[in-house]
Each structure stands twice: as C-alpha cells, then as structure tokens.
Amino acid sequence: MSELNNKAEPHFSMQKIYLKGTAFESPHSAAVFSQDWKPRTTLELDVQYEEVDSGRYEVVLTVSLTARNAEQLAFTLEVEQAALFLIQGFPEDQLQQALGAACPSVMFPYLRENVDHLLVKGGYPALTLAPVNFDAMYREQRSSSAA
C-alpha cells in the first residue's frame, strides 16, 4: 500500500497563458478596402515547446495567416500564443502527446480570439478560425517524422 502512495500521481495543468508575439501588416489597405472583399487565404499552424524547469513547459502555438484580394496582398498576420503547463507523472509517449496535442487544444480558443481581434482592429471583417483537431495533427507529424 505504501508503494502506491509513493508514486507521483499524473498531473496536467495550465499555469499561465499569454501573448508572446504578434505581427500584422496591411501594405495596401486603401486599395484593398475599395474592392469587393473576396479573399484567398493561406493558414499555417505550428506547435513548439520546451521544458522551462522540471515538469514546467512553455508551449507556443503559432498561426501565420496571409490574405490576398484580387491578386493583391491584403494582410499578413502572425500570432504566437504561449502558455506554461505543469505536466508530471506521465510516460514519455503520453507527455509528448500532451505537449503536441492537448496543450494546443487548450490554447486554441485564446489564439482564435487574438487573431479575430487583430483583424478587426486592422479594418478587416471578423475571422473565426475553424476548429483544429490537434490529435490528428500530432499523429500526422509523428508518422511523417518516423518515415
């Protein structure tokens, strides 16, 4: 019985969430605003993480978004949403999945709100990013890195 009590219980919690960086450019605003708004957008998502100290990890979820309207660059936007997580007592494979999938899933609503806010402040229509299946994204990255 005492052997069970000595084992560390798995723990997963977000300690802090913060905006690490943003970049927004709209080099042709006046011209873009005078045209019908039918943008073509490209979106890239990236997840990076590092251990800050024992069991504490900084996870950074980055979105890069580019919009073109009538072949003209409307805007580029990059948001780095970061968070500190305390993750302890998990085997290595579950730790990697927590960092690559669970953490970004928790952070995504904050990222989505910041993207929307920046675009509206830049004069563009609100944009709500579609939900992302970070579990599938993590599995795909794992299988492509194994190949």
Protein backbone atom coordinates (compact mmCIF):
# COMPACT_ATOMS: atom_id res chain seq x y z
CA MET A 1 0.00 0.00 0.00
CA SER A 2 2.77 2.46 0.83
CA GLU A 3 4.31 1.72 -2.58
CA LEU A 4 1.21 3.13 -4.28
CA ASN A 5 1.27 6.27 -2.14
CA ASN A 6 4.92 6.96 -3.04
CA LYS A 7 4.24 7.03 -6.78
CA ALA A 8 3.64 10.51 -8.17
CA GLU A 9 0.13 10.96 -9.47
CA PRO A 10 -0.04 12.25 -13.04
CA HIS A 11 -0.65 16.00 -13.13
CA PHE A 12 -1.58 18.29 -16.03
CA SER A 13 -2.44 21.95 -15.55
CA MET A 14 -2.06 25.25 -17.33
CA GLN A 15 -0.36 27.76 -15.04
CA LYS A 16 -0.38 30.85 -17.25
CA ILE A 17 -1.43 31.82 -20.77
CA TYR A 18 -0.01 34.84 -22.54
CA LEU A 19 0.51 36.51 -25.89
CA LYS A 20 4.16 36.01 -26.82
CA GLY A 21 4.22 37.90 -30.11
CA THR A 22 2.16 39.40 -32.90
CA ALA A 23 2.84 40.82 -36.32
CA PHE A 24 0.26 42.44 -38.59
CA GLU A 25 0.88 44.14 -41.91
CA SER A 26 -1.62 45.54 -44.36
CA PRO A 27 0.54 47.24 -47.00
CA HIS A 28 -2.25 48.01 -49.49
CA SER A 29 -5.13 48.83 -47.16
CA ALA A 30 -6.61 51.73 -49.11
CA ALA A 31 -6.68 49.78 -52.37
CA VAL A 32 -7.97 46.59 -50.73
CA PHE A 33 -10.76 48.41 -48.89
CA SER A 34 -12.04 49.90 -52.15
CA GLN A 35 -12.53 46.45 -53.75
CA ASP A 36 -15.13 43.74 -53.19
CA TRP A 37 -13.86 41.54 -50.36
CA LYS A 38 -13.36 38.03 -51.76
CA PRO A 39 -10.08 36.96 -50.18
CA ARG A 40 -7.95 33.88 -50.77
CA THR A 41 -6.28 32.95 -47.51
CA THR A 42 -3.46 30.64 -46.51
CA LEU A 43 -3.04 29.47 -42.97
CA GLU A 44 -0.19 27.69 -41.23
CA LEU A 45 -0.17 26.36 -37.68
CA ASP A 46 2.87 25.33 -35.69
CA VAL A 47 3.41 24.00 -32.18
CA GLN A 48 6.73 24.31 -30.36
CA TYR A 49 7.55 23.54 -26.76
CA GLU A 50 10.45 23.44 -24.37
CA GLU A 51 10.95 22.43 -20.78
CA VAL A 52 11.50 25.54 -18.65
CA ASP A 53 12.31 23.62 -15.48
CA SER A 54 11.41 20.25 -14.02
CA GLY A 55 7.92 19.45 -15.25
CA ARG A 56 7.13 23.00 -16.42
CA TYR A 57 6.85 23.52 -20.16
CA GLU A 58 6.35 26.56 -22.33
CA VAL A 59 4.17 25.69 -25.31
CA VAL A 60 3.93 28.16 -28.21
CA LEU A 61 1.11 27.84 -30.73
CA THR A 62 1.78 29.98 -33.79
CA VAL A 63 -0.60 30.85 -36.59
CA SER A 64 0.51 32.57 -39.79
CA LEU A 65 -2.27 33.90 -41.98
CA THR A 66 -2.00 35.61 -45.37
CA ALA A 67 -4.89 37.04 -47.37
CA ARG A 68 -4.93 38.17 -50.98
CA ASN A 69 -7.81 40.01 -52.57
CA ALA A 70 -7.95 40.34 -56.36
CA GLU A 71 -4.29 39.23 -56.56
CA GLN A 72 -3.23 41.98 -54.19
CA LEU A 73 -1.77 41.29 -50.75
CA ALA A 74 -4.38 42.35 -48.23
CA PHE A 75 -2.64 41.39 -45.00
CA THR A 76 -0.22 39.10 -43.27
CA LEU A 77 -0.70 38.21 -39.65
CA GLU A 78 1.25 36.09 -37.20
CA VAL A 79 0.22 35.37 -33.62
CA GLU A 80 2.28 33.45 -31.09
CA GLN A 81 0.05 32.29 -28.26
CA ALA A 82 2.07 30.82 -25.40
CA ALA A 83 1.30 29.07 -22.14
CA LEU A 84 3.10 27.50 -19.21
CA PHE A 85 1.97 24.00 -18.31
CA LEU A 86 2.86 21.82 -15.36
CA ILE A 87 2.95 18.23 -16.58
CA GLN A 88 4.26 15.49 -14.30
CA GLY A 89 3.99 11.74 -13.84
CA PHE A 90 3.28 10.80 -17.47
CA PRO A 91 5.25 8.25 -19.51
CA GLU A 92 7.30 9.84 -22.33
CA ASP A 93 4.84 8.97 -25.13
CA GLN A 94 1.90 10.48 -23.21
CA LEU A 95 4.00 13.54 -22.31
CA GLN A 96 4.77 14.14 -25.99
CA GLN A 97 1.10 13.77 -26.90
CA ALA A 98 0.10 16.18 -24.11
CA LEU A 99 2.60 18.77 -25.37
CA GLY A 100 1.79 18.28 -29.06
CA ALA A 101 -1.98 17.88 -28.90
CA ALA A 102 -3.63 18.52 -25.51
CA CYS A 103 -1.84 21.80 -24.75
CA PRO A 104 -2.56 23.38 -28.16
CA SER A 105 -6.21 22.31 -27.85
CA VAL A 106 -6.48 24.21 -24.56
CA MET A 107 -4.71 27.25 -26.04
CA PHE A 108 -6.54 27.45 -29.38
CA PRO A 109 -9.59 29.48 -28.23
CA TYR A 110 -7.23 32.20 -26.93
CA LEU A 111 -5.31 32.22 -30.21
CA ARG A 112 -8.54 32.40 -32.21
CA GLU A 113 -9.73 35.39 -30.16
CA ASN A 114 -6.43 37.24 -30.69
CA VAL A 115 -6.50 36.65 -34.46
CA ASP A 116 -10.06 37.93 -34.68
CA HIS A 117 -9.24 40.99 -32.56
CA LEU A 118 -6.19 41.96 -34.64
CA LEU A 119 -8.06 41.66 -37.93
CA VAL A 120 -10.99 43.77 -36.72
CA LYS A 121 -8.58 46.42 -35.39
CA GLY A 122 -6.88 46.36 -38.81
CA GLY A 123 -10.19 47.19 -40.51
CA TYR A 124 -10.97 43.73 -41.84
CA PRO A 125 -14.04 41.58 -41.26
CA ALA A 126 -14.01 39.31 -38.24
CA LEU A 127 -12.50 35.90 -38.90
CA THR A 128 -13.20 32.95 -36.66
CA LEU A 129 -10.68 30.20 -37.25
CA ALA A 130 -12.26 26.79 -37.75
CA PRO A 131 -11.68 24.23 -35.00
CA VAL A 132 -8.48 22.20 -35.34
CA ASN A 133 -8.06 18.52 -34.50
CA PHE A 134 -4.68 18.73 -32.77
CA ASP A 135 -4.72 14.99 -32.01
CA ALA A 136 -4.86 14.20 -35.74
CA MET A 137 -2.24 16.88 -36.47
CA TYR A 138 0.05 15.37 -33.82
CA ARG A 139 -0.40 11.81 -35.19
CA GLU A 140 0.32 13.03 -38.74
CA GLN A 141 3.52 14.78 -37.62
CA ARG A 142 4.63 11.69 -35.70
CA SER A 143 4.05 9.38 -38.67
CA SER A 144 5.82 11.72 -41.11
CA SER A 145 8.83 12.12 -38.81
CA ALA A 146 9.02 8.33 -38.38
CA ALA A 147 9.12 7.82 -42.16
